[in-house]
C-alpha atoms as a PDB file:
ATOM      1  CA  ILE A   1      -4.011  -0.163   8.263  1.00  0.00           C
ATOM      2  CA  GLY A   2      -0.397  -0.717   6.959  1.00  0.00           C
ATOM      3  CA  GLY A   3       1.382  -0.018   3.739  1.00  0.00           C
ATOM      4  CA  LEU A   4       4.506   0.604   1.778  1.00  0.00           C
ATOM      5  CA  ILE A   5       5.534   3.617  -0.308  1.00  0.00           C
ATOM      6  CA  ASN A   6       7.998   3.329  -3.181  1.00  0.00           C
ATOM      7  CA  ALA A   7       9.452   6.295  -5.160  1.00  0.00           C
ATOM      8  CA  GLU A   8      11.446   5.594  -8.223  1.00  0.00           C
ATOM      9  CA  ASP A   9      13.423   8.318 -10.131  1.00  0.00           C
ATOM     10  CA  SER A  10      14.564   7.717 -13.679  1.00  0.00           C
ATOM     11  CA  LYS A  11      16.468   9.793 -16.259  1.00  0.00           C
ATOM     12  CA  THR A  12      16.604   9.247 -19.961  1.00  0.00           C
ATOM     13  CA  LEU A  13      18.807  10.703 -22.559  1.00  0.00           C
ATOM     14  CA  ARG A  14      17.683  10.862 -26.195  1.00  0.00           C
ATOM     15  CA  LYS A  15      20.017  12.124 -28.873  1.00  0.00           C
ATOM     16  CA  VAL A  16      20.701  12.142 -32.592  1.00  0.00           C
ATOM     17  CA  PRO A  17      23.701   9.801 -33.276  1.00  0.00           C
ATOM     18  CA  PHE A  18      27.009  11.631 -33.690  1.00  0.00           C
ATOM     19  CA  LEU A  19      25.405  15.148 -33.618  1.00  0.00           C
ATOM     20  CA  GLY A  20      24.354  14.756 -29.984  1.00  0.00           C
ATOM     21  CA  ASP A  21      27.972  14.083 -29.041  1.00  0.00           C
ATOM     22  CA  ILE A  22      29.413  17.407 -30.448  1.00  0.00           C
ATOM     23  CA  PRO A  23      30.591  19.535 -27.369  1.00  0.00           C
ATOM     24  CA  LEU A  24      28.673  22.768 -27.874  1.00  0.00           C
ATOM     25  CA  LEU A  25      26.176  22.060 -30.672  1.00  0.00           C
ATOM     26  CA  GLY A  26      25.317  18.636 -29.172  1.00  0.00           C
ATOM     27  CA  ASN A  27      22.740  20.295 -26.807  1.00  0.00           C
ATOM     28  CA  LEU A  28      20.624  21.178 -29.846  1.00  0.00           C
ATOM     29  CA  PHE A  29      20.393  17.471 -30.861  1.00  0.00           C
ATOM     30  CA  ARG A  30      19.762  15.823 -27.506  1.00  0.00           C
ATOM     31  CA  LYS A  31      16.990  15.830 -24.874  1.00  0.00           C
ATOM     32  CA  GLU A  32      17.146  14.788 -21.240  1.00  0.00           C
ATOM     33  CA  ASP A  33      13.948  13.644 -19.411  1.00  0.00           C
ATOM     34  CA  SER A  34      13.548  12.907 -15.767  1.00  0.00           C
ATOM     35  CA  SER A  35      10.482  11.287 -14.201  1.00  0.00           C
ATOM     36  CA  THR A  36       9.394  10.157 -10.757  1.00  0.00           C
ATOM     37  CA  ASN A  37       7.028   7.178 -10.245  1.00  0.00           C
ATOM     38  CA  ASP A  38       5.342   6.864  -6.840  1.00  0.00           C
ATOM     39  CA  LYS A  39       3.709   3.572  -5.858  1.00  0.00           C
ATOM     40  CA  GLU A  40       1.746   2.933  -2.746  1.00  0.00           C
ATOM     41  CA  LEU A  41       0.557  -0.443  -1.371  1.00  0.00           C
ATOM     42  CA  ILE A  42      -2.107  -0.224   1.353  1.00  0.00           C
ATOM     43  CA  ILE A  43      -3.116  -3.192   3.445  1.00  0.00           C
ATOM     44  CA  PHE A  44      -6.334  -3.276   5.401  1.00  0.00           C
ATOM     45  CA  ILE A  45      -6.824  -5.860   8.171  1.00  0.00           C
ATOM     46  CA  THR A  46     -10.288  -6.399   9.615  1.00  0.00           C
ATOM     47  CA  PRO A  47     -10.573  -8.491  12.814  1.00  0.00           C
ATOM     48  CA  HIS A  48     -13.765 -10.440  13.489  1.00  0.00           C
ATOM     49  CA  LEU A  49     -14.736 -11.651  16.988  1.00  0.00           C
ATOM     50  CA  VAL A  50     -16.268 -15.114  17.214  1.00  0.00           C
ATOM     51  CA  LYS A  51     -17.843 -15.758  20.588  1.00  0.00           C
ATOM     52  CA  GLU A  52     -19.231 -19.246  20.224  1.00  0.00           C
ATOM     53  CA  GLY A  53     -16.753 -22.085  21.005  1.00  0.00           C
ATOM     54  CA  ALA A  54     -18.479 -24.506  18.581  1.00  0.00           C
ATOM     55  CA  ARG A  55     -18.170 -22.027  15.742  1.00  0.00           C
ATOM     56  CA  THR A  56     -14.560 -21.569  16.467  1.00  0.00           C
ATOM     57  CA  ALA A  57     -13.892 -25.357  16.394  1.00  0.00           C
ATOM     58  CA  GLY A  58     -15.739 -25.599  13.082  1.00  0.00           C
ATOM     59  CA  LEU A  59     -13.681 -22.920  11.541  1.00  0.00           C
ATOM     60  CA  ALA A  60     -10.465 -24.588  12.665  1.00  0.00           C
ATOM     61  CA  GLN A  61     -11.486 -27.877  11.121  1.00  0.00           C
ATOM     62  CA  LYS A  62     -12.346 -26.223   7.770  1.00  0.00           C
ATOM     63  CA  GLN A  63      -8.964 -24.538   7.807  1.00  0.00           C
ATOM     64  CA  MET A  64      -6.838 -27.549   8.708  1.00  0.00           C
ATOM     65  CA  PRO A  65      -7.293 -29.623   5.519  1.00  0.00           C
ATOM     66  CA  TRP A  66      -6.273 -26.724   3.477  1.00  0.00           C
ATOM     67  CA  GLU A  67      -3.122 -26.147   5.554  1.00  0.00           C
ATOM     68  CA  TYR A  68      -2.176 -29.879   5.473  1.00  0.00           C
ATOM     69  CA  GLY A  69      -2.820 -30.064   1.764  1.00  0.00           C
ATOM     70  CA  ARG A  70      -0.570 -27.032   1.254  1.00  0.00           C
ATOM     71  CA  LEU A  71       2.169 -28.832   3.136  1.00  0.00           C
ATOM     72  CA  GLY A  72       1.907 -31.877   0.738  1.00  0.00           C
ATOM     73  CA  LEU A  73       0.540 -34.425   3.240  1.00  0.00           C
ATOM     74  CA  LYS A  74      -1.596 -37.215   1.690  1.00  0.00           C
ATOM     75  CA  GLU A  75      -5.296 -37.425   2.265  1.00  0.00           C
ATOM     76  CA  GLU A  76      -4.939 -40.574   4.526  1.00  0.00           C
ATOM     77  CA  ALA A  77      -2.513 -38.726   6.773  1.00  0.00           C
ATOM     78  CA  MET A  78      -4.922 -35.802   7.042  1.00  0.00           C
ATOM     79  CA  GLU A  79      -7.793 -38.168   7.969  1.00  0.00           C
ATOM     80  CA  ARG A  80      -5.636 -39.761  10.767  1.00  0.00           C
ATOM     81  CA  ILE A  81      -4.698 -36.297  12.094  1.00  0.00           C
ATOM     82  CA  LEU A  82      -8.283 -35.089  12.100  1.00  0.00           C
ATOM     83  CA  ASP A  83      -9.563 -38.309  13.755  1.00  0.00           C
ATOM     84  CA  GLY A  84      -7.042 -37.776  16.514  1.00  0.00           C
ATOM     85  CA  LEU A  85      -8.248 -34.234  17.076  1.00  0.00           C
ATOM     86  CA  GLU A  86     -11.887 -35.373  17.374  1.00  0.00           C
ATOM     87  CA  ARG A  87     -11.166 -37.792  20.321  1.00  0.00           C
END
């Protein structure tokens, strides 16, 4: 389990134009608000043990085309790479 916590404080001032700026009477025509927002991101990681070697090789071959596609390699290049791994 991992995570991040973020706390954000904010203050807002609302006032009636001109009347809120008067030194003593201005407090009657303005309002100050403060708020706190708390955000929490929780990450769960679940490991899985794979005991069979054949299953592990099959999982690796399923993952590789996606990885090479993500890198922008063409399909022919992926086939050559996978053929080289099978030998």
